[in-house]
Amino acid sequence: MFWAVGIALFASVLDFSIVFLALSSIADEFGVTLRAVTWVVISTSLTISAIMLPLGRVSDITGRKRFHITGMMFFVTGGILAFTSQSLEMLIVARVVMSIGSAMGQAVVFAIIVGVFPESQRGKALGMITTAVAIGAASGPIIAGPLIQEFGWRSVFLVTTIPTAVGIVAAIIVLDDRRIGGAARKIGTKYDWLGAFLSAAALS
């Protein structure tokens, strides 16, 4: 279960760090300024920051396994859209789709880890998942250089979808809502839409 969710978290963090080296190549291909192309990164930061907190509650209502898998599917779809983008505007939209998936994954991964591991091992488990985050962040610039040089900037978006696709298959096979603490929707369960909107607006 750890590896099923850890690989997805690694990919989402890798995605955020890998794109920085591609910005100048993207700007050159689309004929835009570096100031404009930074919205490829800014859109990611804004989307994740705005919706990750409200999405944590959504995962509790809908069930964590379904929520996690849906998030990874958003991420893969956004990656394919980014890979095929023909304009900066389309690329930014694709990044927003990827970021929704990334936010969904990050919102639920730590809850899954806490739900799976016994109390005596939770510190170790959280340390391991934090290590996966650190490795993802550090790997981005290392991987991006050779990828961009050999295959162009589009490859950086496609490469992050590969471990995510593996994570989808693993999650379908391995994750069990009864073990990961996922709560199914109950009659009378309500979502605080106003609080979610205010939280997203304030963070944005």
C-alpha atoms as a PDB file:
ATOM      1  CA  MET A   1       0.000   0.000   0.000  1.00  0.00           C
ATOM      2  CA  PHE A   2       2.880   2.358   0.746  1.00  0.00           C
ATOM      3  CA  TRP A   3       4.389   1.901  -2.705  1.00  0.00           C
ATOM      4  CA  ALA A   4       0.993   2.168  -4.388  1.00  0.00           C
ATOM      5  CA  VAL A   5       0.512   5.709  -3.065  1.00  0.00           C
ATOM      6  CA  GLY A   6       4.187   6.636  -2.720  1.00  0.00           C
ATOM      7  CA  ILE A   7       4.895   6.305  -6.445  1.00  0.00           C
ATOM      8  CA  ALA A   8       2.014   8.659  -7.249  1.00  0.00           C
ATOM      9  CA  LEU A   9       3.218  11.265  -4.750  1.00  0.00           C
ATOM     10  CA  PHE A  10       6.756  10.961  -6.125  1.00  0.00           C
ATOM     11  CA  ALA A  11       5.454  11.607  -9.648  1.00  0.00           C
ATOM     12  CA  SER A  12       3.431  14.671  -8.666  1.00  0.00           C
ATOM     13  CA  VAL A  13       6.390  16.263  -6.863  1.00  0.00           C
ATOM     14  CA  LEU A  14       8.712  15.304  -9.727  1.00  0.00           C
ATOM     15  CA  ASP A  15       6.311  17.019 -12.122  1.00  0.00           C
ATOM     16  CA  PHE A  16       6.528  20.294 -10.223  1.00  0.00           C
ATOM     17  CA  SER A  17      10.339  20.342 -10.106  1.00  0.00           C
ATOM     18  CA  ILE A  18      11.008  18.971 -13.593  1.00  0.00           C
ATOM     19  CA  VAL A  19       9.208  21.719 -15.515  1.00  0.00           C
ATOM     20  CA  PHE A  20      11.481  24.627 -14.533  1.00  0.00           C
ATOM     21  CA  LEU A  21      14.269  23.635 -16.915  1.00  0.00           C
ATOM     22  CA  ALA A  22      11.799  23.412 -19.786  1.00  0.00           C
ATOM     23  CA  LEU A  23      10.457  26.976 -19.518  1.00  0.00           C
ATOM     24  CA  SER A  24      12.958  28.601 -21.862  1.00  0.00           C
ATOM     25  CA  SER A  25      12.398  25.903 -24.523  1.00  0.00           C
ATOM     26  CA  ILE A  26       8.629  26.326 -24.214  1.00  0.00           C
ATOM     27  CA  ALA A  27       8.964  30.097 -24.584  1.00  0.00           C
ATOM     28  CA  ASP A  28      11.096  29.656 -27.706  1.00  0.00           C
ATOM     29  CA  GLU A  29       8.661  27.245 -29.391  1.00  0.00           C
ATOM     30  CA  PHE A  30       5.549  29.306 -28.701  1.00  0.00           C
ATOM     31  CA  GLY A  31       7.263  32.646 -29.314  1.00  0.00           C
ATOM     32  CA  VAL A  32       6.395  34.140 -25.905  1.00  0.00           C
ATOM     33  CA  THR A  33       8.382  35.879 -23.208  1.00  0.00           C
ATOM     34  CA  LEU A  34       9.786  34.150 -20.145  1.00  0.00           C
ATOM     35  CA  ARG A  35       7.441  36.301 -18.068  1.00  0.00           C
ATOM     36  CA  ALA A  36       4.456  34.805 -19.895  1.00  0.00           C
ATOM     37  CA  VAL A  37       5.720  31.229 -19.781  1.00  0.00           C
ATOM     38  CA  THR A  38       6.136  31.327 -16.007  1.00  0.00           C
ATOM     39  CA  TRP A  39       2.346  30.911 -15.839  1.00  0.00           C
ATOM     40  CA  VAL A  40       3.024  27.245 -16.616  1.00  0.00           C
ATOM     41  CA  VAL A  41       4.477  27.070 -13.099  1.00  0.00           C
ATOM     42  CA  ILE A  42       2.274  29.680 -11.436  1.00  0.00           C
ATOM     43  CA  SER A  43      -0.916  27.921 -12.550  1.00  0.00           C
ATOM     44  CA  THR A  44       0.346  24.746 -10.894  1.00  0.00           C
ATOM     45  CA  SER A  45       1.158  26.462  -7.602  1.00  0.00           C
ATOM     46  CA  LEU A  46      -2.135  28.360  -7.477  1.00  0.00           C
ATOM     47  CA  THR A  47      -4.274  25.333  -8.276  1.00  0.00           C
ATOM     48  CA  ILE A  48      -2.627  23.003  -5.763  1.00  0.00           C
ATOM     49  CA  SER A  49      -2.516  25.626  -3.009  1.00  0.00           C
ATOM     50  CA  ALA A  50      -6.146  26.633  -3.507  1.00  0.00           C
ATOM     51  CA  ILE A  51      -7.875  23.267  -3.636  1.00  0.00           C
ATOM     52  CA  MET A  52      -5.735  20.766  -1.717  1.00  0.00           C
ATOM     53  CA  LEU A  53      -7.183  21.627   1.699  1.00  0.00           C
ATOM     54  CA  PRO A  54     -10.875  21.463   0.647  1.00  0.00           C
ATOM     55  CA  LEU A  55     -10.229  18.238  -1.275  1.00  0.00           C
ATOM     56  CA  GLY A  56      -9.113  16.439   1.862  1.00  0.00           C
ATOM     57  CA  ARG A  57     -12.701  16.491   3.112  1.00  0.00           C
ATOM     58  CA  VAL A  58     -14.006  15.326  -0.270  1.00  0.00           C
ATOM     59  CA  SER A  59     -11.806  12.230  -0.051  1.00  0.00           C
ATOM     60  CA  ASP A  60     -13.300  11.359   3.337  1.00  0.00           C
ATOM     61  CA  ILE A  61     -16.840  11.604   1.935  1.00  0.00           C
ATOM     62  CA  THR A  62     -16.347   9.771  -1.365  1.00  0.00           C
ATOM     63  CA  GLY A  63     -13.860   7.118  -0.251  1.00  0.00           C
ATOM     64  CA  ARG A  64     -10.103   7.454  -0.368  1.00  0.00           C
ATOM     65  CA  LYS A  65      -9.360   4.718  -2.908  1.00  0.00           C
ATOM     66  CA  ARG A  66     -11.759   6.094  -5.513  1.00  0.00           C
ATOM     67  CA  PHE A  67     -10.602   9.641  -4.827  1.00  0.00           C
ATOM     68  CA  HIS A  68      -6.926   8.719  -5.134  1.00  0.00           C
ATOM     69  CA  ILE A  69      -7.401   6.831  -8.401  1.00  0.00           C
ATOM     70  CA  THR A  70      -9.511   9.652  -9.862  1.00  0.00           C
ATOM     71  CA  GLY A  71      -6.792  12.140  -8.980  1.00  0.00           C
ATOM     72  CA  MET A  72      -4.148  10.072 -10.739  1.00  0.00           C
ATOM     73  CA  MET A  73      -6.372   9.818 -13.817  1.00  0.00           C
ATOM     74  CA  PHE A  74      -6.671  13.623 -13.860  1.00  0.00           C
ATOM     75  CA  PHE A  75      -2.885  13.810 -13.626  1.00  0.00           C
ATOM     76  CA  VAL A  76      -2.286  11.419 -16.525  1.00  0.00           C
ATOM     77  CA  THR A  77      -4.922  13.152 -18.679  1.00  0.00           C
ATOM     78  CA  GLY A  78      -3.339  16.538 -18.005  1.00  0.00           C
ATOM     79  CA  GLY A  79       0.105  15.151 -18.824  1.00  0.00           C
ATOM     80  CA  ILE A  80      -1.077  13.901 -22.205  1.00  0.00           C
ATOM     81  CA  LEU A  81      -2.760  17.241 -22.912  1.00  0.00           C
ATOM     82  CA  ALA A  82       0.449  19.072 -21.985  1.00  0.00           C
ATOM     83  CA  PHE A  83       2.471  16.765 -24.225  1.00  0.00           C
ATOM     84  CA  THR A  84       0.236  17.563 -27.193  1.00  0.00           C
ATOM     85  CA  SER A  85      -0.291  21.288 -26.491  1.00  0.00           C
ATOM     86  CA  GLN A  86      -0.073  23.559 -29.523  1.00  0.00           C
ATOM     87  CA  SER A  87      -0.187  26.889 -27.674  1.00  0.00           C
ATOM     88  CA  LEU A  88       0.795  28.374 -24.342  1.00  0.00           C
ATOM     89  CA  GLU A  89      -2.855  28.773 -23.381  1.00  0.00           C
ATOM     90  CA  MET A  90      -3.562  25.096 -24.029  1.00  0.00           C
ATOM     91  CA  LEU A  91      -0.471  24.144 -22.047  1.00  0.00           C
ATOM     92  CA  ILE A  92      -1.598  26.218 -19.061  1.00  0.00           C
ATOM     93  CA  VAL A  93      -5.034  24.572 -19.142  1.00  0.00           C
ATOM     94  CA  ALA A  94      -3.335  21.168 -19.269  1.00  0.00           C
ATOM     95  CA  ARG A  95      -1.202  22.117 -16.283  1.00  0.00           C
ATOM     96  CA  VAL A  96      -4.326  23.067 -14.337  1.00  0.00           C
ATOM     97  CA  VAL A  97      -5.798  19.626 -15.082  1.00  0.00           C
ATOM     98  CA  MET A  98      -2.559  17.974 -13.937  1.00  0.00           C
ATOM     99  CA  SER A  99      -2.531  20.133 -10.819  1.00  0.00           C
ATOM    100  CA  ILE A 100      -6.071  19.120  -9.884  1.00  0.00           C
ATOM    101  CA  GLY A 101      -4.925  15.514  -9.984  1.00  0.00           C
ATOM    102  CA  SER A 102      -1.769  16.339  -8.055  1.00  0.00           C
ATOM    103  CA  ALA A 103      -3.752  18.181  -5.377  1.00  0.00           C
ATOM    104  CA  MET A 104      -6.143  15.228  -5.068  1.00  0.00           C
ATOM    105  CA  GLY A 105      -3.234  12.864  -4.579  1.00  0.00           C
ATOM    106  CA  GLN A 106      -1.431  15.032  -2.066  1.00  0.00           C
ATOM    107  CA  ALA A 107      -4.654  15.617  -0.146  1.00  0.00           C
ATOM    108  CA  VAL A 108      -5.239  11.915   0.474  1.00  0.00           C
ATOM    109  CA  VAL A 109      -1.812  10.222   0.543  1.00  0.00           C
ATOM    110  CA  PHE A 110      -0.895  11.146   4.110  1.00  0.00           C
ATOM    111  CA  ALA A 111      -4.366  10.135   5.333  1.00  0.00           C
ATOM    112  CA  ILE A 112      -3.949   6.746   3.636  1.00  0.00           C
ATOM    113  CA  ILE A 113      -0.539   6.237   5.222  1.00  0.00           C
ATOM    114  CA  VAL A 114      -1.847   7.122   8.680  1.00  0.00           C
ATOM    115  CA  GLY A 115      -4.810   4.786   8.157  1.00  0.00           C
ATOM    116  CA  VAL A 116      -2.711   1.812   7.020  1.00  0.00           C
ATOM    117  CA  PHE A 117       0.209   1.794   9.437  1.00  0.00           C
ATOM    118  CA  PRO A 118      -0.215   0.936  13.128  1.00  0.00           C
ATOM    119  CA  GLU A 119       0.465   3.730  15.579  1.00  0.00           C
ATOM    120  CA  SER A 120       3.899   2.346  16.491  1.00  0.00           C
ATOM    121  CA  GLN A 121       5.055   2.584  12.848  1.00  0.00           C
ATOM    122  CA  ARG A 122       3.391   5.812  11.712  1.00  0.00           C
ATOM    123  CA  GLY A 123       6.446   7.952  12.374  1.00  0.00           C
ATOM    124  CA  LYS A 124       8.549   5.672  10.190  1.00  0.00           C
ATOM    125  CA  ALA A 125       5.882   5.599   7.479  1.00  0.00           C
ATOM    126  CA  LEU A 126       5.515   9.378   7.394  1.00  0.00           C
ATOM    127  CA  GLY A 127       9.301   9.692   7.254  1.00  0.00           C
ATOM    128  CA  MET A 128       9.378   7.328   4.273  1.00  0.00           C
ATOM    129  CA  ILE A 129       6.679   9.234   2.401  1.00  0.00           C
ATOM    130  CA  THR A 130       8.468  12.520   3.120  1.00  0.00           C
ATOM    131  CA  THR A 131      11.626  10.954   1.688  1.00  0.00           C
ATOM    132  CA  ALA A 132       9.693  10.105  -1.487  1.00  0.00           C
ATOM    133  CA  VAL A 133       8.732  13.781  -1.717  1.00  0.00           C
ATOM    134  CA  ALA A 134      12.356  14.870  -1.293  1.00  0.00           C
ATOM    135  CA  ILE A 135      13.586  12.411  -3.926  1.00  0.00           C
ATOM    136  CA  GLY A 136      10.922  13.625  -6.360  1.00  0.00           C
ATOM    137  CA  ALA A 137      11.908  17.254  -5.839  1.00  0.00           C
ATOM    138  CA  ALA A 138      15.632  16.538  -6.243  1.00  0.00           C
ATOM    139  CA  SER A 139      15.195  14.265  -9.270  1.00  0.00           C
ATOM    140  CA  GLY A 140      13.377  16.820 -11.413  1.00  0.00           C
ATOM    141  CA  PRO A 141      16.314  18.983 -12.532  1.00  0.00           C
ATOM    142  CA  ILE A 142      18.561  15.912 -12.909  1.00  0.00           C
ATOM    143  CA  ILE A 143      16.102  14.135 -15.192  1.00  0.00           C
ATOM    144  CA  ALA A 144      14.943  17.237 -17.078  1.00  0.00           C
ATOM    145  CA  GLY A 145      18.302  18.171 -18.594  1.00  0.00           C
ATOM    146  CA  PRO A 146      18.971  14.969 -20.578  1.00  0.00           C
ATOM    147  CA  LEU A 147      15.270  14.593 -21.474  1.00  0.00           C
ATOM    148  CA  ILE A 148      14.980  18.077 -22.957  1.00  0.00           C
ATOM    149  CA  GLN A 149      18.270  17.742 -24.801  1.00  0.00           C
ATOM    150  CA  GLU A 150      17.386  14.389 -26.379  1.00  0.00           C
ATOM    151  CA  PHE A 151      13.596  14.486 -26.771  1.00  0.00           C
ATOM    152  CA  GLY A 152      12.490  18.113 -26.353  1.00  0.00           C
ATOM    153  CA  TRP A 153      10.500  19.875 -23.649  1.00  0.00           C
ATOM    154  CA  ARG A 154       7.302  17.886 -24.251  1.00  0.00           C
ATOM    155  CA  SER A 155       8.939  14.750 -22.864  1.00  0.00           C
ATOM    156  CA  VAL A 156       9.082  16.171 -19.337  1.00  0.00           C
ATOM    157  CA  PHE A 157       5.301  16.065 -19.143  1.00  0.00           C
ATOM    158  CA  LEU A 158       5.036  12.573 -20.564  1.00  0.00           C
ATOM    159  CA  VAL A 159       7.687  11.046 -18.303  1.00  0.00           C
ATOM    160  CA  THR A 160       5.756  11.858 -15.128  1.00  0.00           C
ATOM    161  CA  THR A 161       2.662  10.057 -16.398  1.00  0.00           C
ATOM    162  CA  ILE A 162       4.491   6.710 -16.576  1.00  0.00           C
ATOM    163  CA  PRO A 163       4.941   6.123 -12.806  1.00  0.00           C
ATOM    164  CA  THR A 164       1.465   7.575 -12.274  1.00  0.00           C
ATOM    165  CA  ALA A 165      -0.046   5.000 -14.643  1.00  0.00           C
ATOM    166  CA  VAL A 166       1.787   2.295 -12.696  1.00  0.00           C
ATOM    167  CA  GLY A 167       0.359   3.828  -9.521  1.00  0.00           C
ATOM    168  CA  ILE A 168      -3.188   3.615 -10.914  1.00  0.00           C
ATOM    169  CA  VAL A 169      -2.845  -0.117 -11.581  1.00  0.00           C
ATOM    170  CA  ALA A 170      -1.247  -0.679  -8.180  1.00  0.00           C
ATOM    171  CA  ALA A 171      -3.978   1.299  -6.404  1.00  0.00           C
ATOM    172  CA  ILE A 172      -6.751  -0.664  -8.126  1.00  0.00           C
ATOM    173  CA  ILE A 173      -5.165  -3.954  -7.063  1.00  0.00           C
ATOM    174  CA  VAL A 174      -3.791  -3.108  -3.617  1.00  0.00           C
ATOM    175  CA  LEU A 175      -5.817  -0.367  -1.944  1.00  0.00           C
ATOM    176  CA  ASP A 176      -8.763  -1.385   0.206  1.00  0.00           C
ATOM    177  CA  ASP A 177     -11.008   1.304   1.714  1.00  0.00           C
ATOM    178  CA  ARG A 178     -11.606  -0.834   4.786  1.00  0.00           C
ATOM    179  CA  ARG A 179      -7.887  -0.819   5.548  1.00  0.00           C
ATOM    180  CA  ILE A 180      -6.940   2.723   4.516  1.00  0.00           C
ATOM    181  CA  GLY A 181      -9.584   4.365   6.681  1.00  0.00           C
ATOM    182  CA  GLY A 182     -11.653   5.616   3.772  1.00  0.00           C
ATOM    183  CA  ALA A 183     -15.191   6.594   4.765  1.00  0.00           C
ATOM    184  CA  ALA A 184     -17.992   5.884   2.342  1.00  0.00           C
ATOM    185  CA  ARG A 185     -20.646   8.539   1.813  1.00  0.00           C
ATOM    186  CA  LYS A 186     -23.264   8.458   4.548  1.00  0.00           C
ATOM    187  CA  ILE A 187     -26.810   9.771   4.496  1.00  0.00           C
ATOM    188  CA  GLY A 188     -26.782  13.275   5.911  1.00  0.00           C
ATOM    189  CA  THR A 189     -23.083  13.877   5.221  1.00  0.00           C
ATOM    190  CA  LYS A 190     -22.658  17.449   4.073  1.00  0.00           C
ATOM    191  CA  TYR A 191     -19.800  19.354   2.498  1.00  0.00           C
ATOM    192  CA  ASP A 192     -18.940  22.877   3.580  1.00  0.00           C
ATOM    193  CA  TRP A 193     -19.034  24.540   0.161  1.00  0.00           C
ATOM    194  CA  LEU A 194     -18.796  28.057   1.591  1.00  0.00           C
ATOM    195  CA  GLY A 195     -15.774  27.162   3.691  1.00  0.00           C
ATOM    196  CA  ALA A 196     -14.126  25.445   0.738  1.00  0.00           C
ATOM    197  CA  PHE A 197     -14.705  28.475  -1.498  1.00  0.00           C
ATOM    198  CA  LEU A 198     -13.409  30.935   1.104  1.00  0.00           C
ATOM    199  CA  SER A 199     -10.355  28.756   1.775  1.00  0.00           C
ATOM    200  CA  ALA A 200      -9.527  28.463  -1.933  1.00  0.00           C
ATOM    201  CA  ALA A 201     -10.059  32.189  -2.507  1.00  0.00           C
ATOM    202  CA  ALA A 202      -7.926  33.206   0.466  1.00  0.00           C
ATOM    203  CA  LEU A 203      -5.071  30.876  -0.462  1.00  0.00           C
ATOM    204  CA  SER A 204      -5.190  32.026  -4.080  1.00  0.00           C
END
